[in-house]
Amino acid sequence: MSVVTNRRYIIRQASASRKIACLKCGEPMLTAEQIANLFDITQRRVFQIIETGAAHFSETDAGAAMICLKSLAAILNGEAQNNQSPLND
């Protein structure tokens, strides 16, 4: 038996903030801090993931890392599925 869950994330930004889209897929990009808060992980974990090249990211002119929400979510969802153990009947 397996359990499938779906998550929906609603991201609201202040109207004054500039929205940044991923150059590879066009999806929203967030700061490492926003990603860490959203997924309840550490910023260190976020940077470990982007250092592997698995998640889309870029840097702003000021040097801030911007991470693609969709690509990072796919990685984290894959990790969660790999860590699930089969349920005993």
PDB file of N, CA and C in Angstrom:
ATOM      1  N   MET A   1       0.844  -1.165   0.000  1.00  0.00           N
ATOM      2  CA  MET A   1       0.000   0.000   0.000  1.00  0.00           C
ATOM      3  C   MET A   1       0.895   1.235   0.000  1.00  0.00           C
ATOM      4  N   SER A   2       0.545   2.219  -0.785  1.00  0.00           N
ATOM      5  CA  SER A   2       1.315   3.444  -0.792  1.00  0.00           C
ATOM      6  C   SER A   2       0.387   4.636  -0.591  1.00  0.00           C
ATOM      7  N   VAL A   3       0.971   5.707  -0.130  1.00  0.00           N
ATOM      8  CA  VAL A   3       0.217   6.919   0.129  1.00  0.00           C
ATOM      9  C   VAL A   3       0.756   8.012  -0.783  1.00  0.00           C
ATOM     10  N   VAL A   4      -0.132   8.690  -1.474  1.00  0.00           N
ATOM     11  CA  VAL A   4       0.256   9.780  -2.352  1.00  0.00           C
ATOM     12  C   VAL A   4      -0.308  11.078  -1.789  1.00  0.00           C
ATOM     13  N   THR A   5       0.548  12.069  -1.694  1.00  0.00           N
ATOM     14  CA  THR A   5       0.099  13.371  -1.212  1.00  0.00           C
ATOM     15  C   THR A   5       0.430  14.436  -2.247  1.00  0.00           C
ATOM     16  N   ASN A   6      -0.361  15.443  -2.292  1.00  0.00           N
ATOM     17  CA  ASN A   6      -0.119  16.585  -3.164  1.00  0.00           C
ATOM     18  C   ASN A   6      -0.066  17.828  -2.308  1.00  0.00           C
ATOM     19  N   ARG A   7       0.806  18.764  -2.691  1.00  0.00           N
ATOM     20  CA  ARG A   7       0.920  20.026  -1.976  1.00  0.00           C
ATOM     21  C   ARG A   7       0.686  21.157  -2.952  1.00  0.00           C
ATOM     22  N   ARG A   8       0.075  22.191  -2.456  1.00  0.00           N
ATOM     23  CA  ARG A   8      -0.116  23.399  -3.246  1.00  0.00           C
ATOM     24  C   ARG A   8       0.494  24.541  -2.447  1.00  0.00           C
ATOM     25  N   TYR A   9       1.356  25.297  -3.099  1.00  0.00           N
ATOM     26  CA  TYR A   9       2.010  26.417  -2.452  1.00  0.00           C
ATOM     27  C   TYR A   9       1.488  27.703  -3.066  1.00  0.00           C
ATOM     28  N   ILE A  10       1.125  28.623  -2.217  1.00  0.00           N
ATOM     29  CA  ILE A  10       0.698  29.940  -2.663  1.00  0.00           C
ATOM     30  C   ILE A  10       1.749  30.923  -2.176  1.00  0.00           C
ATOM     31  N   ILE A  11       2.353  31.593  -3.122  1.00  0.00           N
ATOM     32  CA  ILE A  11       3.417  32.523  -2.785  1.00  0.00           C
ATOM     33  C   ILE A  11       2.911  33.927  -3.036  1.00  0.00           C
ATOM     34  N   ARG A  12       2.929  34.714  -2.009  1.00  0.00           N
ATOM     35  CA  ARG A  12       2.497  36.104  -2.133  1.00  0.00           C
ATOM     36  C   ARG A  12       3.696  36.987  -1.879  1.00  0.00           C
ATOM     37  N   GLN A  13       3.873  37.946  -2.743  1.00  0.00           N
ATOM     38  CA  GLN A  13       4.972  38.878  -2.589  1.00  0.00           C
ATOM     39  C   GLN A  13       4.411  40.287  -2.555  1.00  0.00           C
ATOM     40  N   ALA A  14       5.103  41.142  -1.850  1.00  0.00           N
ATOM     41  CA  ALA A  14       4.688  42.537  -1.815  1.00  0.00           C
ATOM     42  C   ALA A  14       4.721  43.097  -3.226  1.00  0.00           C
ATOM     43  N   SER A  15       3.783  43.956  -3.549  1.00  0.00           N
ATOM     44  CA  SER A  15       3.694  44.488  -4.906  1.00  0.00           C
ATOM     45  C   SER A  15       4.946  45.254  -5.310  1.00  0.00           C
ATOM     46  N   ALA A  16       5.679  45.767  -4.353  1.00  0.00           N
ATOM     47  CA  ALA A  16       6.885  46.514  -4.672  1.00  0.00           C
ATOM     48  C   ALA A  16       8.056  45.607  -5.046  1.00  0.00           C
ATOM     49  N   SER A  17       7.983  44.333  -4.653  1.00  0.00           N
ATOM     50  CA  SER A  17       9.097  43.439  -4.947  1.00  0.00           C
ATOM     51  C   SER A  17       9.061  42.998  -6.404  1.00  0.00           C
ATOM     52  N   ARG A  18      10.226  42.854  -6.970  1.00  0.00           N
ATOM     53  CA  ARG A  18      10.347  42.458  -8.365  1.00  0.00           C
ATOM     54  C   ARG A  18      10.260  40.949  -8.468  1.00  0.00           C
ATOM     55  N   LYS A  19       9.401  40.471  -9.340  1.00  0.00           N
ATOM     56  CA  LYS A  19       9.259  39.036  -9.535  1.00  0.00           C
ATOM     57  C   LYS A  19      10.329  38.575 -10.515  1.00  0.00           C
ATOM     58  N   ILE A  20      10.993  37.476 -10.179  1.00  0.00           N
ATOM     59  CA  ILE A  20      12.041  36.939 -11.022  1.00  0.00           C
ATOM     60  C   ILE A  20      11.600  35.568 -11.505  1.00  0.00           C
ATOM     61  N   ALA A  21      11.685  35.364 -12.800  1.00  0.00           N
ATOM     62  CA  ALA A  21      11.320  34.079 -13.391  1.00  0.00           C
ATOM     63  C   ALA A  21      12.590  33.304 -13.742  1.00  0.00           C
ATOM     64  N   CYS A  22      12.518  31.996 -13.591  1.00  0.00           N
ATOM     65  CA  CYS A  22      13.629  31.118 -13.932  1.00  0.00           C
ATOM     66  C   CYS A  22      13.907  31.210 -15.435  1.00  0.00           C
ATOM     67  N   LEU A  23      15.163  31.370 -15.796  1.00  0.00           N
ATOM     68  CA  LEU A  23      15.533  31.463 -17.206  1.00  0.00           C
ATOM     69  C   LEU A  23      15.379  30.132 -17.933  1.00  0.00           C
ATOM     70  N   LYS A  24      15.422  29.019 -17.190  1.00  0.00           N
ATOM     71  CA  LYS A  24      15.317  27.700 -17.824  1.00  0.00           C
ATOM     72  C   LYS A  24      13.880  27.248 -18.023  1.00  0.00           C
ATOM     73  N   CYS A  25      12.995  27.562 -17.052  1.00  0.00           N
ATOM     74  CA  CYS A  25      11.631  27.034 -17.151  1.00  0.00           C
ATOM     75  C   CYS A  25      10.538  28.088 -16.984  1.00  0.00           C
ATOM     76  N   GLY A  26      10.909  29.312 -16.624  1.00  0.00           N
ATOM     77  CA  GLY A  26       9.934  30.389 -16.498  1.00  0.00           C
ATOM     78  C   GLY A  26       9.155  30.412 -15.195  1.00  0.00           C
ATOM     79  N   GLU A  27       9.437  29.490 -14.301  1.00  0.00           N
ATOM     80  CA  GLU A  27       8.738  29.421 -13.019  1.00  0.00           C
ATOM     81  C   GLU A  27       9.299  30.456 -12.043  1.00  0.00           C
ATOM     82  N   PRO A  28       8.544  30.780 -10.980  1.00  0.00           N
ATOM     83  CA  PRO A  28       9.011  31.778 -10.001  1.00  0.00           C
ATOM     84  C   PRO A  28      10.289  31.344  -9.300  1.00  0.00           C
ATOM     85  N   MET A  29      11.100  32.334  -8.975  1.00  0.00           N
ATOM     86  CA  MET A  29      12.323  32.090  -8.214  1.00  0.00           C
ATOM     87  C   MET A  29      12.210  32.823  -6.889  1.00  0.00           C
ATOM     88  N   LEU A  30      12.753  32.202  -5.855  1.00  0.00           N
ATOM     89  CA  LEU A  30      12.721  32.760  -4.508  1.00  0.00           C
ATOM     90  C   LEU A  30      14.128  32.780  -3.931  1.00  0.00           C
ATOM     91  N   THR A  31      14.304  33.545  -2.867  1.00  0.00           N
ATOM     92  CA  THR A  31      15.591  33.568  -2.178  1.00  0.00           C
ATOM     93  C   THR A  31      15.764  32.266  -1.385  1.00  0.00           C
ATOM     94  N   ALA A  32      16.989  32.001  -0.999  1.00  0.00           N
ATOM     95  CA  ALA A  32      17.270  30.811  -0.184  1.00  0.00           C
ATOM     96  C   ALA A  32      16.491  30.861   1.127  1.00  0.00           C
ATOM     97  N   GLU A  33      16.376  32.042   1.703  1.00  0.00           N
ATOM     98  CA  GLU A  33      15.628  32.188   2.951  1.00  0.00           C
ATOM     99  C   GLU A  33      14.147  31.850   2.748  1.00  0.00           C
ATOM    100  N   GLN A  34      13.554  32.357   1.665  1.00  0.00           N
ATOM    101  CA  GLN A  34      12.148  32.069   1.385  1.00  0.00           C
ATOM    102  C   GLN A  34      11.940  30.572   1.143  1.00  0.00           C
ATOM    103  N   ILE A  35      12.830  29.967   0.380  1.00  0.00           N
ATOM    104  CA  ILE A  35      12.740  28.525   0.093  1.00  0.00           C
ATOM    105  C   ILE A  35      12.846  27.726   1.385  1.00  0.00           C
ATOM    106  N   ALA A  36      13.818  28.075   2.232  1.00  0.00           N
ATOM    107  CA  ALA A  36      14.017  27.357   3.495  1.00  0.00           C
ATOM    108  C   ALA A  36      12.771  27.432   4.367  1.00  0.00           C
ATOM    109  N   ASN A  37      12.171  28.606   4.452  1.00  0.00           N
ATOM    110  CA  ASN A  37      10.953  28.766   5.254  1.00  0.00           C
ATOM    111  C   ASN A  37       9.787  27.990   4.654  1.00  0.00           C
ATOM    112  N   LEU A  38       9.662  28.039   3.349  1.00  0.00           N
ATOM    113  CA  LEU A  38       8.559  27.377   2.666  1.00  0.00           C
ATOM    114  C   LEU A  38       8.592  25.862   2.848  1.00  0.00           C
ATOM    115  N   PHE A  39       9.779  25.280   2.724  1.00  0.00           N
ATOM    116  CA  PHE A  39       9.909  23.822   2.796  1.00  0.00           C
ATOM    117  C   PHE A  39      10.356  23.322   4.159  1.00  0.00           C
ATOM    118  N   ASP A  40      10.520  24.234   5.114  1.00  0.00           N
ATOM    119  CA  ASP A  40      10.947  23.879   6.472  1.00  0.00           C
ATOM    120  C   ASP A  40      12.268  23.107   6.459  1.00  0.00           C
ATOM    121  N   ILE A  41      13.223  23.649   5.714  1.00  0.00           N
ATOM    122  CA  ILE A  41      14.574  23.092   5.682  1.00  0.00           C
ATOM    123  C   ILE A  41      15.541  24.236   5.971  1.00  0.00           C
ATOM    124  N   THR A  42      16.801  23.903   6.183  1.00  0.00           N
ATOM    125  CA  THR A  42      17.787  24.948   6.457  1.00  0.00           C
ATOM    126  C   THR A  42      18.280  25.567   5.150  1.00  0.00           C
ATOM    127  N   GLN A  43      18.772  26.785   5.254  1.00  0.00           N
ATOM    128  CA  GLN A  43      19.362  27.409   4.077  1.00  0.00           C
ATOM    129  C   GLN A  43      20.585  26.629   3.624  1.00  0.00           C
ATOM    130  N   ARG A  44      21.270  26.043   4.556  1.00  0.00           N
ATOM    131  CA  ARG A  44      22.436  25.217   4.203  1.00  0.00           C
ATOM    132  C   ARG A  44      22.015  24.082   3.278  1.00  0.00           C
ATOM    133  N   ARG A  45      20.884  23.436   3.582  1.00  0.00           N
ATOM    134  CA  ARG A  45      20.371  22.346   2.733  1.00  0.00           C
ATOM    135  C   ARG A  45      20.014  22.870   1.350  1.00  0.00           C
ATOM    136  N   VAL A  46      19.438  24.060   1.283  1.00  0.00           N
ATOM    137  CA  VAL A  46      19.107  24.670  -0.003  1.00  0.00           C
ATOM    138  C   VAL A  46      20.372  24.823  -0.834  1.00  0.00           C
ATOM    139  N   PHE A  47      21.431  25.354  -0.222  1.00  0.00           N
ATOM    140  CA  PHE A  47      22.680  25.554  -0.958  1.00  0.00           C
ATOM    141  C   PHE A  47      23.346  24.232  -1.336  1.00  0.00           C
ATOM    142  N   GLN A  48      23.212  23.216  -0.504  1.00  0.00           N
ATOM    143  CA  GLN A  48      23.735  21.895  -0.870  1.00  0.00           C
ATOM    144  C   GLN A  48      23.061  21.388  -2.139  1.00  0.00           C
ATOM    145  N   ILE A  49      21.763  21.586  -2.235  1.00  0.00           N
ATOM    146  CA  ILE A  49      21.022  21.127  -3.406  1.00  0.00           C
ATOM    147  C   ILE A  49      21.438  21.894  -4.653  1.00  0.00           C
ATOM    148  N   ILE A  50      21.540  23.213  -4.561  1.00  0.00           N
ATOM    149  CA  ILE A  50      21.882  23.966  -5.768  1.00  0.00           C
ATOM    150  C   ILE A  50      23.333  23.739  -6.181  1.00  0.00           C
ATOM    151  N   GLU A  51      24.207  23.403  -5.227  1.00  0.00           N
ATOM    152  CA  GLU A  51      25.593  23.108  -5.579  1.00  0.00           C
ATOM    153  C   GLU A  51      25.722  21.843  -6.408  1.00  0.00           C
ATOM    154  N   THR A  52      24.746  20.943  -6.312  1.00  0.00           N
ATOM    155  CA  THR A  52      24.782  19.727  -7.133  1.00  0.00           C
ATOM    156  C   THR A  52      24.394  20.015  -8.579  1.00  0.00           C
ATOM    157  N   GLY A  53      23.785  21.181  -8.812  1.00  0.00           N
ATOM    158  CA  GLY A  53      23.335  21.538 -10.155  1.00  0.00           C
ATOM    159  C   GLY A  53      21.972  20.978 -10.493  1.00  0.00           C
ATOM    160  N   ALA A  54      21.315  20.331  -9.542  1.00  0.00           N
ATOM    161  CA  ALA A  54      20.020  19.704  -9.794  1.00  0.00           C
ATOM    162  C   ALA A  54      18.880  20.711  -9.838  1.00  0.00           C
ATOM    163  N   ALA A  55      19.004  21.794  -9.108  1.00  0.00           N
ATOM    164  CA  ALA A  55      17.953  22.821  -9.088  1.00  0.00           C
ATOM    165  C   ALA A  55      18.408  24.021  -9.901  1.00  0.00           C
ATOM    166  N   HIS A  56      17.471  24.653 -10.557  1.00  0.00           N
ATOM    167  CA  HIS A  56      17.785  25.866 -11.314  1.00  0.00           C
ATOM    168  C   HIS A  56      18.035  27.010 -10.335  1.00  0.00           C
ATOM    169  N   PHE A  57      19.068  27.804 -10.582  1.00  0.00           N
ATOM    170  CA  PHE A  57      19.312  28.967  -9.748  1.00  0.00           C
ATOM    171  C   PHE A  57      20.109  30.006 -10.522  1.00  0.00           C
ATOM    172  N   SER A  58      20.085  31.200 -10.013  1.00  0.00           N
ATOM    173  CA  SER A  58      20.896  32.272 -10.577  1.00  0.00           C
ATOM    174  C   SER A  58      21.231  33.236  -9.444  1.00  0.00           C
ATOM    175  N   GLU A  59      22.088  34.181  -9.742  1.00  0.00           N
ATOM    176  CA  GLU A  59      22.450  35.188  -8.755  1.00  0.00           C
ATOM    177  C   GLU A  59      22.036  36.556  -9.254  1.00  0.00           C
ATOM    178  N   THR A  60      21.574  37.370  -8.329  1.00  0.00           N
ATOM    179  CA  THR A  60      21.231  38.743  -8.673  1.00  0.00           C
ATOM    180  C   THR A  60      22.524  39.545  -8.804  1.00  0.00           C
ATOM    181  N   ASP A  61      22.407  40.765  -9.295  1.00  0.00           N
ATOM    182  CA  ASP A  61      23.583  41.645  -9.403  1.00  0.00           C
ATOM    183  C   ASP A  61      24.226  41.883  -8.043  1.00  0.00           C
ATOM    184  N   ALA A  62      23.407  41.842  -6.989  1.00  0.00           N
ATOM    185  CA  ALA A  62      23.913  42.045  -5.633  1.00  0.00           C
ATOM    186  C   ALA A  62      24.520  40.767  -5.038  1.00  0.00           C
ATOM    187  N   GLY A  63      24.439  39.652  -5.761  1.00  0.00           N
ATOM    188  CA  GLY A  63      25.032  38.403  -5.292  1.00  0.00           C
ATOM    189  C   GLY A  63      24.095  37.482  -4.540  1.00  0.00           C
ATOM    190  N   ALA A  64      22.813  37.823  -4.465  1.00  0.00           N
ATOM    191  CA  ALA A  64      21.847  36.967  -3.764  1.00  0.00           C
ATOM    192  C   ALA A  64      21.462  35.792  -4.658  1.00  0.00           C
ATOM    193  N   ALA A  65      21.418  34.615  -4.082  1.00  0.00           N
ATOM    194  CA  ALA A  65      21.017  33.422  -4.825  1.00  0.00           C
ATOM    195  C   ALA A  65      19.501  33.378  -4.957  1.00  0.00           C
ATOM    196  N   MET A  66      19.036  33.130  -6.162  1.00  0.00           N
ATOM    197  CA  MET A  66      17.610  32.969  -6.439  1.00  0.00           C
ATOM    198  C   MET A  66      17.417  31.547  -6.938  1.00  0.00           C
ATOM    199  N   ILE A  67      16.499  30.812  -6.316  1.00  0.00           N
ATOM    200  CA  ILE A  67      16.301  29.400  -6.608  1.00  0.00           C
ATOM    201  C   ILE A  67      14.936  29.190  -7.228  1.00  0.00           C
ATOM    202  N   CYS A  68      14.887  28.365  -8.259  1.00  0.00           N
ATOM    203  CA  CYS A  68      13.642  28.044  -8.952  1.00  0.00           C
ATOM    204  C   CYS A  68      12.781  27.167  -8.053  1.00  0.00           C
ATOM    205  N   LEU A  69      11.591  27.640  -7.775  1.00  0.00           N
ATOM    206  CA  LEU A  69      10.684  26.929  -6.888  1.00  0.00           C
ATOM    207  C   LEU A  69      10.320  25.552  -7.443  1.00  0.00           C
ATOM    208  N   LYS A  70       9.994  25.485  -8.721  1.00  0.00           N
ATOM    209  CA  LYS A  70       9.544  24.222  -9.319  1.00  0.00           C
ATOM    210  C   LYS A  70      10.645  23.160  -9.316  1.00  0.00           C
ATOM    211  N   SER A  71      11.852  23.526  -9.714  1.00  0.00           N
ATOM    212  CA  SER A  71      12.926  22.526  -9.779  1.00  0.00           C
ATOM    213  C   SER A  71      13.327  22.050  -8.392  1.00  0.00           C
ATOM    214  N   LEU A  72      13.344  22.941  -7.411  1.00  0.00           N
ATOM    215  CA  LEU A  72      13.693  22.530  -6.051  1.00  0.00           C
ATOM    216  C   LEU A  72      12.597  21.659  -5.444  1.00  0.00           C
ATOM    217  N   ALA A  73      11.340  22.014  -5.691  1.00  0.00           N
ATOM    218  CA  ALA A  73      10.227  21.211  -5.177  1.00  0.00           C
ATOM    219  C   ALA A  73      10.284  19.799  -5.738  1.00  0.00           C
ATOM    220  N   ALA A  74      10.632  19.659  -7.017  1.00  0.00           N
ATOM    221  CA  ALA A  74      10.725  18.330  -7.624  1.00  0.00           C
ATOM    222  C   ALA A  74      11.800  17.494  -6.941  1.00  0.00           C
ATOM    223  N   ILE A  75      12.916  18.116  -6.607  1.00  0.00           N
ATOM    224  CA  ILE A  75      13.995  17.399  -5.918  1.00  0.00           C
ATOM    225  C   ILE A  75      13.556  16.982  -4.528  1.00  0.00           C
ATOM    226  N   LEU A  76      12.969  17.905  -3.781  1.00  0.00           N
ATOM    227  CA  LEU A  76      12.537  17.593  -2.413  1.00  0.00           C
ATOM    228  C   LEU A  76      11.428  16.555  -2.399  1.00  0.00           C
ATOM    229  N   ASN A  77      10.503  16.617  -3.359  1.00  0.00           N
ATOM    230  CA  ASN A  77       9.446  15.607  -3.441  1.00  0.00           C
ATOM    231  C   ASN A  77      10.025  14.240  -3.778  1.00  0.00           C
ATOM    232  N   GLY A  78      11.034  14.205  -4.644  1.00  0.00           N
ATOM    233  CA  GLY A  78      11.701  12.949  -4.970  1.00  0.00           C
ATOM    234  C   GLY A  78      12.410  12.359  -3.766  1.00  0.00           C
ATOM    235  N   GLU A  79      13.055  13.211  -2.970  1.00  0.00           N
ATOM    236  CA  GLU A  79      13.719  12.740  -1.753  1.00  0.00           C
ATOM    237  C   GLU A  79      12.705  12.171  -0.772  1.00  0.00           C
ATOM    238  N   ALA A  80      11.563  12.851  -0.642  1.00  0.00           N
ATOM    239  CA  ALA A  80      10.530  12.393   0.294  1.00  0.00           C
ATOM    240  C   ALA A  80       9.995  11.032  -0.138  1.00  0.00           C
ATOM    241  N   GLN A  81       9.795  10.849  -1.433  1.00  0.00           N
ATOM    242  CA  GLN A  81       9.287   9.572  -1.931  1.00  0.00           C
ATOM    243  C   GLN A  81      10.313   8.466  -1.736  1.00  0.00           C
ATOM    244  N   ASN A  82      11.590   8.767  -1.922  1.00  0.00           N
ATOM    245  CA  ASN A  82      12.648   7.763  -1.738  1.00  0.00           C
ATOM    246  C   ASN A  82      12.818   7.371  -0.276  1.00  0.00           C
ATOM    247  N   ASN A  83      12.454   8.271   0.641  1.00  0.00           N
ATOM    248  CA  ASN A  83      12.601   7.988   2.071  1.00  0.00           C
ATOM    249  C   ASN A  83      11.388   7.286   2.678  1.00  0.00           C
ATOM    250  N   GLN A  84      10.303   7.135   1.902  1.00  0.00           N
ATOM    251  CA  GLN A  84       9.112   6.469   2.425  1.00  0.00           C
ATOM    252  C   GLN A  84       9.369   4.974   2.467  1.00  0.00           C
ATOM    253  N   SER A  85       8.941   4.362   3.536  1.00  0.00           N
ATOM    254  CA  SER A  85       9.035   2.907   3.626  1.00  0.00           C
ATOM    255  C   SER A  85       7.653   2.315   3.394  1.00  0.00           C
ATOM    256  N   PRO A  86       7.592   1.127   2.827  1.00  0.00           N
ATOM    257  CA  PRO A  86       6.290   0.508   2.592  1.00  0.00           C
ATOM    258  C   PRO A  86       5.550   0.296   3.896  1.00  0.00           C
ATOM    259  N   LEU A  87       4.249   0.466   3.862  1.00  0.00           N
ATOM    260  CA  LEU A  87       3.424   0.261   5.041  1.00  0.00           C
ATOM    261  C   LEU A  87       3.112  -1.226   5.184  1.00  0.00           C
ATOM    262  N   ASN A  88       3.169  -1.666   6.387  1.00  0.00           N
ATOM    263  CA  ASN A  88       2.839  -3.076   6.653  1.00  0.00           C
ATOM    264  C   ASN A  88       1.359  -3.229   6.829  1.00  0.00           C
ATOM    265  N   ASP A  89       0.779  -4.229   6.195  1.00  0.00           N
ATOM    266  CA  ASP A  89      -0.657  -4.498   6.343  1.00  0.00           C
ATOM    267  C   ASP A  89      -0.930  -5.322   7.578  1.00  0.00           C
TER     268      ASP A  89
END
